[in-house]
Amino acid sequence: MPIDADTLIDWFDTTGRDLPWRRQDCTAWGVLVSEIMLQQTPVARVQPIWEQWLSRWPAPSALAATSQGEVLRAWGKLGYPRRALRLHAAAEVIAREHDDVVPGDVDTLLALPGIGAYTARAVAAFAYGKRAPVVDTNVRRVVARAVHGAGDAGPPSTTRDMADVEALLPVADAHAARFSAALMELGALVCTARSPSCAGCPVAADCAWQHAGRPAYAGPAKPVQKFAGTDRQVRGLLLDVLRGTSEPVEKARLDLVWAQAGQRDRCLDSLLVDGLVEQTDDGRFALPGEN
C-alpha cells in the first residue's frame, strides 16, 4: 500500500526532532557536513561536533584552507575518519570550481570527491528542496514493512531501492523533499529495527506489514557489526595518539596502544595507505600535512 504523504508530513511537522541542519537558516554546506557526519553515526554524537565545525568552518573555502591533519583532529571520535578527508577534498573542489557554494544538482554533486548516491540526493532534497529519492537504512526498513509487508529490508539494491522510494514521492519538489525527511524520521524514531512503536505510527492503518500480521523477517541474516578487538578499534587508538599531539611521534609510542604487534602494524600500514597518517623522513608518524 502507498504511504499517504500528507499524513506522514503532518506527523513530521509536529513530532520531528529540531535538529540544527534541518532549520531554514542552515546553509547547503551545513547540510552536506551533517550528511557526511551522520553516516553510520548517531545524531547525539554528531550534533556537538557539527556545531563546532560550522562555527570554525562556515564555508567550504574555510575547511579547504585547513590542513588534513587539523581536519582529522577536529573530527575526533566520530569514527570512519576517511569521511573527514573526503569532506575536505569535496570542500576544495566546491571552493575552487563552484564559487564556494555547494551545488544543488544531483549529477554535479555526484562529481564531487567522495559524494555518493545517498549524499548527493540528500543534499539536493534537504538543502535545496528538490524531488529526489533519498534512501538510507531507515527508509529501506519503512518501505519494506509499509509497502512490501516484510519484517525488514533484505540486501540493498540501489536500483530497486531507488525505484521503491521514487514511486512514493509526491510530484511537487518541496512536498517530496519534506516527505523524504519525514520518511527517514519515521524509520529512526518509530519504525525501528528491534522495537517498532506501531501503536504510535502515523501510517499504521495503511501498513502492509500490519495487515499481514507483522510476520518475522525471513530473509538472509544480517552481519553483526562488532568493534572490540577489530582493526577499526586499533586504527582509532593509533589515530588518538596522533590527534593528541602536534608533533610527529616515534613508532615506540604507537606500539603502546595495542599488544598484538601483527595487527597493530597492519593497521598502521592501512592508515598510511588511506592517507590518514604520514611518515616523516626520520621515521616518525604524524597526521597528514603536519610532518
Protein backbone atom coordinates (compact mmCIF):
# COMPACT_ATOMS: atom_id res chain seq x y z
CA MET A 1 0.00 0.00 0.00
CA PRO A 2 1.29 3.50 -0.69
CA ILE A 3 2.23 5.71 2.23
CA ASP A 4 -0.01 8.76 2.49
CA ALA A 5 2.37 11.70 2.12
CA ASP A 6 0.20 14.31 3.79
CA THR A 7 -0.40 12.14 6.85
CA LEU A 8 3.31 11.45 7.26
CA ILE A 9 4.32 15.07 6.72
CA ASP A 10 1.75 16.28 9.27
CA TRP A 11 3.21 13.84 11.78
CA PHE A 12 6.74 15.04 10.99
CA ASP A 13 5.76 18.69 11.33
CA THR A 14 4.60 18.09 14.90
CA THR A 15 6.94 15.28 16.00
CA GLY A 16 10.19 15.64 14.06
CA ARG A 17 13.33 16.47 16.01
CA ASP A 18 14.55 20.06 15.97
CA LEU A 19 18.00 19.42 14.54
CA PRO A 20 20.19 22.37 13.52
CA TRP A 21 20.80 21.11 9.99
CA ARG A 22 17.03 21.00 9.43
CA ARG A 23 16.48 24.65 10.22
CA GLN A 24 15.75 27.16 7.47
CA ASP A 25 18.86 29.19 8.21
CA CYS A 26 21.16 26.21 7.68
CA THR A 27 23.26 26.53 4.54
CA ALA A 28 23.71 23.80 1.95
CA TRP A 29 27.26 23.45 3.29
CA GLY A 30 25.84 22.75 6.75
CA VAL A 31 23.55 20.10 5.29
CA LEU A 32 26.43 18.46 3.42
CA VAL A 33 28.60 18.36 6.55
CA SER A 34 25.74 16.83 8.53
CA GLU A 35 25.08 14.14 5.94
CA ILE A 36 28.72 13.07 5.86
CA MET A 37 28.94 13.02 9.65
CA LEU A 38 25.67 11.15 10.13
CA GLN A 39 26.72 8.16 8.04
CA GLN A 40 26.79 5.22 10.49
CA THR A 41 26.98 7.65 13.43
CA PRO A 42 24.17 8.56 15.89
CA VAL A 43 22.71 12.08 15.95
CA ALA A 44 23.70 12.61 19.60
CA ARG A 45 27.38 12.15 18.75
CA VAL A 46 27.23 14.21 15.59
CA GLN A 47 25.44 17.36 16.75
CA PRO A 48 28.13 18.88 19.03
CA ILE A 49 30.89 18.15 16.51
CA TRP A 50 28.77 19.55 13.66
CA GLU A 51 28.18 22.75 15.61
CA GLN A 52 31.91 23.12 16.27
CA TRP A 53 32.74 22.55 12.60
CA LEU A 54 30.21 25.05 11.29
CA SER A 55 31.40 27.66 13.77
CA ARG A 56 35.00 27.10 12.78
CA TRP A 57 34.50 26.43 9.07
CA PRO A 58 31.26 28.16 7.97
CA ALA A 59 32.05 27.75 4.26
CA PRO A 60 33.83 25.14 2.11
CA SER A 61 36.75 27.50 1.48
CA ALA A 62 37.43 27.74 5.20
CA LEU A 63 37.73 23.97 5.52
CA ALA A 64 39.73 23.72 2.29
CA ALA A 65 42.32 26.13 3.70
CA THR A 66 42.89 23.89 6.72
CA SER A 67 45.40 21.02 6.80
CA GLN A 68 44.14 17.48 6.58
CA GLY A 69 45.72 16.80 9.94
CA GLU A 70 43.75 19.54 11.64
CA VAL A 71 40.56 18.30 9.98
CA LEU A 72 41.20 14.80 11.34
CA ARG A 73 41.92 16.23 14.77
CA ALA A 74 38.59 18.13 14.75
CA TRP A 75 36.78 15.01 13.53
CA GLY A 76 37.64 13.47 16.90
CA LYS A 77 35.93 10.19 17.70
CA LEU A 78 33.12 10.31 15.13
CA GLY A 79 34.59 7.19 13.55
CA TYR A 80 35.32 6.28 9.92
CA PRO A 81 37.80 9.19 9.64
CA ARG A 82 38.21 8.79 5.90
CA ARG A 83 34.91 10.65 5.74
CA ALA A 84 36.73 13.72 7.06
CA LEU A 85 39.30 13.55 4.26
CA ARG A 86 36.58 13.08 1.65
CA LEU A 87 34.74 16.11 3.02
CA HIS A 88 37.96 18.12 2.90
CA ALA A 89 38.54 17.09 -0.72
CA ALA A 90 34.95 17.99 -1.65
CA ALA A 91 35.36 21.39 0.04
CA GLU A 92 38.44 22.10 -2.07
CA VAL A 93 36.51 21.44 -5.30
CA ILE A 94 33.45 23.41 -4.14
CA ALA A 95 35.61 26.39 -3.23
CA ARG A 96 37.63 26.25 -6.45
CA GLU A 97 35.02 25.28 -9.04
CA HIS A 98 31.64 26.28 -7.60
CA ASP A 99 32.26 29.73 -6.12
CA ASP A 100 32.24 28.31 -2.59
CA VAL A 101 28.59 27.21 -2.89
CA VAL A 102 27.54 23.56 -2.58
CA PRO A 103 25.85 22.56 -5.86
CA GLY A 104 22.16 21.69 -5.85
CA ASP A 105 22.14 19.40 -8.89
CA VAL A 106 22.44 15.68 -8.19
CA ASP A 107 24.80 14.96 -11.08
CA THR A 108 27.09 17.85 -10.12
CA LEU A 109 27.10 16.68 -6.51
CA LEU A 110 27.98 13.15 -7.62
CA ALA A 111 31.03 14.55 -9.42
CA LEU A 112 32.46 15.84 -6.13
CA PRO A 113 35.12 13.69 -4.42
CA GLY A 114 33.64 11.12 -2.05
CA ILE A 115 29.99 12.06 -2.66
CA GLY A 116 27.83 9.01 -3.36
CA ALA A 117 24.26 8.41 -4.44
CA TYR A 118 22.73 8.84 -0.99
CA THR A 119 24.61 12.03 -0.04
CA ALA A 120 24.02 13.73 -3.40
CA ARG A 121 20.28 13.16 -3.22
CA ALA A 122 20.08 14.07 0.45
CA VAL A 123 21.74 17.44 -0.20
CA ALA A 124 19.51 18.10 -3.22
CA ALA A 125 16.40 17.29 -1.18
CA PHE A 126 17.22 18.72 2.24
CA ALA A 127 19.29 21.76 1.24
CA TYR A 128 17.53 22.72 -1.99
CA GLY A 129 14.05 21.23 -1.56
CA LYS A 130 14.27 19.10 -4.69
CA ARG A 131 12.42 15.91 -5.53
CA ALA A 132 15.00 13.14 -5.17
CA PRO A 133 14.72 9.61 -3.73
CA VAL A 134 16.78 9.61 -0.53
CA VAL A 135 17.43 6.05 0.62
CA ASP A 136 19.15 5.08 3.86
CA THR A 137 18.78 2.09 6.18
CA ASN A 138 15.79 3.62 7.97
CA VAL A 139 13.97 4.38 4.71
CA ARG A 140 14.60 0.89 3.37
CA ARG A 141 13.10 -0.62 6.52
CA VAL A 142 9.98 1.58 6.39
CA VAL A 143 9.40 0.75 2.74
CA ALA A 144 9.96 -2.97 3.32
CA ARG A 145 7.30 -3.00 6.02
CA ALA A 146 4.76 -0.42 4.93
CA VAL A 147 4.84 -1.19 1.20
CA HIS A 148 6.03 -4.79 0.86
CA GLY A 149 4.77 -6.30 4.12
CA ALA A 150 8.19 -7.70 5.06
CA GLY A 151 9.58 -7.64 8.58
CA ASP A 152 12.70 -5.83 7.40
CA ALA A 153 14.58 -4.91 4.26
CA GLY A 154 16.70 -7.55 2.56
CA PRO A 155 20.10 -6.96 0.98
CA PRO A 156 20.34 -3.48 -0.52
CA SER A 157 19.81 -2.91 -4.24
CA THR A 158 20.38 0.64 -5.41
CA THR A 159 18.16 0.27 -8.47
CA ARG A 160 15.27 -1.40 -6.64
CA ASP A 161 15.50 0.77 -3.53
CA MET A 162 15.59 3.99 -5.54
CA ALA A 163 12.61 2.87 -7.61
CA ASP A 164 10.64 1.98 -4.48
CA VAL A 165 11.14 5.42 -2.94
CA GLU A 166 10.72 7.26 -6.25
CA ALA A 167 7.25 5.70 -6.58
CA LEU A 168 6.25 7.07 -3.15
CA LEU A 169 7.43 10.66 -3.66
CA PRO A 170 4.86 13.41 -4.19
CA VAL A 171 5.17 15.23 -7.52
CA ALA A 172 5.96 18.73 -6.21
CA ASP A 173 9.60 19.32 -5.28
CA ALA A 174 9.10 20.89 -1.84
CA HIS A 175 6.43 18.36 -0.89
CA ALA A 176 8.66 15.48 -1.98
CA ALA A 177 11.65 16.83 -0.04
CA ARG A 178 9.60 17.18 3.13
CA PHE A 179 8.22 13.67 2.64
CA SER A 180 11.76 12.31 2.29
CA ALA A 181 12.77 13.86 5.62
CA ALA A 182 9.60 12.52 7.26
CA LEU A 183 10.20 9.01 5.91
CA MET A 184 13.69 8.96 7.39
CA GLU A 185 12.43 10.27 10.72
CA LEU A 186 9.73 7.60 10.85
CA GLY A 187 12.35 4.89 10.48
CA ALA A 188 14.63 6.50 13.06
CA LEU A 189 12.04 7.10 15.77
CA VAL A 190 9.06 4.78 15.22
CA CYS A 191 9.64 2.02 12.68
CA THR A 192 12.86 0.93 14.35
CA ALA A 193 14.63 -2.35 13.67
CA ARG A 194 14.16 -4.06 17.02
CA SER A 195 11.20 -2.44 18.77
CA PRO A 196 8.91 -0.66 16.33
CA SER A 197 6.30 1.54 18.02
CA CYS A 198 3.45 0.53 15.75
CA ALA A 199 0.78 1.89 18.12
CA GLY A 200 2.11 5.40 17.58
CA CYS A 201 2.84 5.07 13.86
CA PRO A 202 1.03 7.67 11.73
CA VAL A 203 0.76 5.31 8.75
CA ALA A 204 -0.10 2.09 10.65
CA ALA A 205 -3.58 1.94 9.10
CA ASP A 206 -2.08 1.57 5.62
CA CYS A 207 0.95 -0.54 6.58
CA ALA A 208 1.19 -3.80 4.62
CA TRP A 209 3.21 -5.38 7.42
CA GLN A 210 0.43 -4.67 9.90
CA HIS A 211 -2.20 -6.08 7.55
CA ALA A 212 -0.09 -9.23 7.10
CA GLY A 213 0.06 -9.79 10.86
CA ARG A 214 3.59 -8.42 11.31
CA PRO A 215 5.45 -11.52 10.04
CA ALA A 216 9.01 -12.00 11.22
CA TYR A 217 11.82 -11.18 8.84
CA ALA A 218 12.73 -14.33 6.93
CA GLY A 219 15.49 -13.04 4.67
CA PRO A 220 19.25 -13.51 4.83
CA ALA A 221 20.80 -12.92 8.23
CA LYS A 222 22.40 -9.53 8.59
CA PRO A 223 26.07 -9.42 9.63
CA VAL A 224 26.52 -8.24 13.21
CA GLN A 225 29.00 -5.41 13.42
CA LYS A 226 31.38 -5.64 16.33
CA PHE A 227 34.03 -3.16 17.41
CA ALA A 228 36.10 -4.56 20.28
CA GLY A 229 39.28 -6.12 19.01
CA THR A 230 38.71 -5.18 15.38
CA ASP A 231 41.07 -3.30 13.09
CA ARG A 232 38.67 -0.36 13.38
CA GLN A 233 39.37 -0.17 17.09
CA VAL A 234 43.13 -0.42 16.64
CA ARG A 235 43.15 2.22 13.88
CA GLY A 236 41.18 4.51 16.15
CA LEU A 237 43.63 4.03 19.02
CA LEU A 238 46.57 4.85 16.76
CA LEU A 239 44.85 7.98 15.48
CA ASP A 240 44.03 9.01 19.05
CA VAL A 241 47.74 9.25 19.81
CA LEU A 242 48.41 11.45 16.78
CA ARG A 243 45.37 13.66 17.39
CA GLY A 244 46.64 14.30 20.89
CA THR A 245 49.91 15.88 19.82
CA SER A 246 51.08 18.49 17.33
CA GLU A 247 54.45 16.82 16.84
CA PRO A 248 55.34 13.62 14.97
CA VAL A 249 55.74 10.64 17.31
CA GLU A 250 58.11 7.70 17.44
CA LYS A 251 56.74 4.28 16.49
CA ALA A 252 57.53 3.05 20.01
CA ARG A 253 54.81 5.37 21.30
CA LEU A 254 52.30 3.92 18.85
CA ASP A 255 53.34 0.40 19.82
CA LEU A 256 51.96 1.01 23.31
CA VAL A 257 48.33 1.23 22.18
CA TRP A 258 47.91 -2.45 21.22
CA ALA A 259 49.74 -5.56 22.37
CA GLN A 260 49.34 -7.64 19.20
CA ALA A 261 52.18 -6.43 17.01
CA GLY A 262 50.95 -8.05 13.78
CA GLN A 263 47.52 -6.46 13.94
CA ARG A 264 48.91 -3.15 15.15
CA ASP A 265 51.43 -2.90 12.30
CA ARG A 266 48.83 -3.94 9.75
CA CYS A 267 46.52 -1.20 10.96
CA LEU A 268 49.28 1.39 10.89
CA ASP A 269 50.12 0.38 7.31
CA SER A 270 46.45 0.71 6.33
CA LEU A 271 46.31 4.20 7.83
CA LEU A 272 49.34 5.17 5.75
CA VAL A 273 47.75 3.74 2.59
CA ASP A 274 44.48 5.59 3.30
CA GLY A 275 46.30 8.88 3.72
CA LEU A 276 45.21 9.25 7.33
CA VAL A 277 48.79 9.07 8.62
CA GLU A 278 52.11 10.15 7.12
CA GLN A 279 55.64 9.05 7.93
CA THR A 280 58.40 11.63 8.31
CA ASP A 281 61.85 11.33 6.77
CA ASP A 282 63.25 10.34 10.15
CA GLY A 283 60.71 7.51 10.56
CA ARG A 284 58.22 9.14 12.90
CA PHE A 285 54.48 9.35 12.31
CA ALA A 286 52.05 12.28 12.11
CA LEU A 287 48.66 13.31 10.81
CA PRO A 288 48.74 14.33 7.12
CA GLY A 289 50.23 17.74 6.43
CA GLU A 290 51.79 18.02 9.87
CA ASN A 291 55.19 16.42 9.44
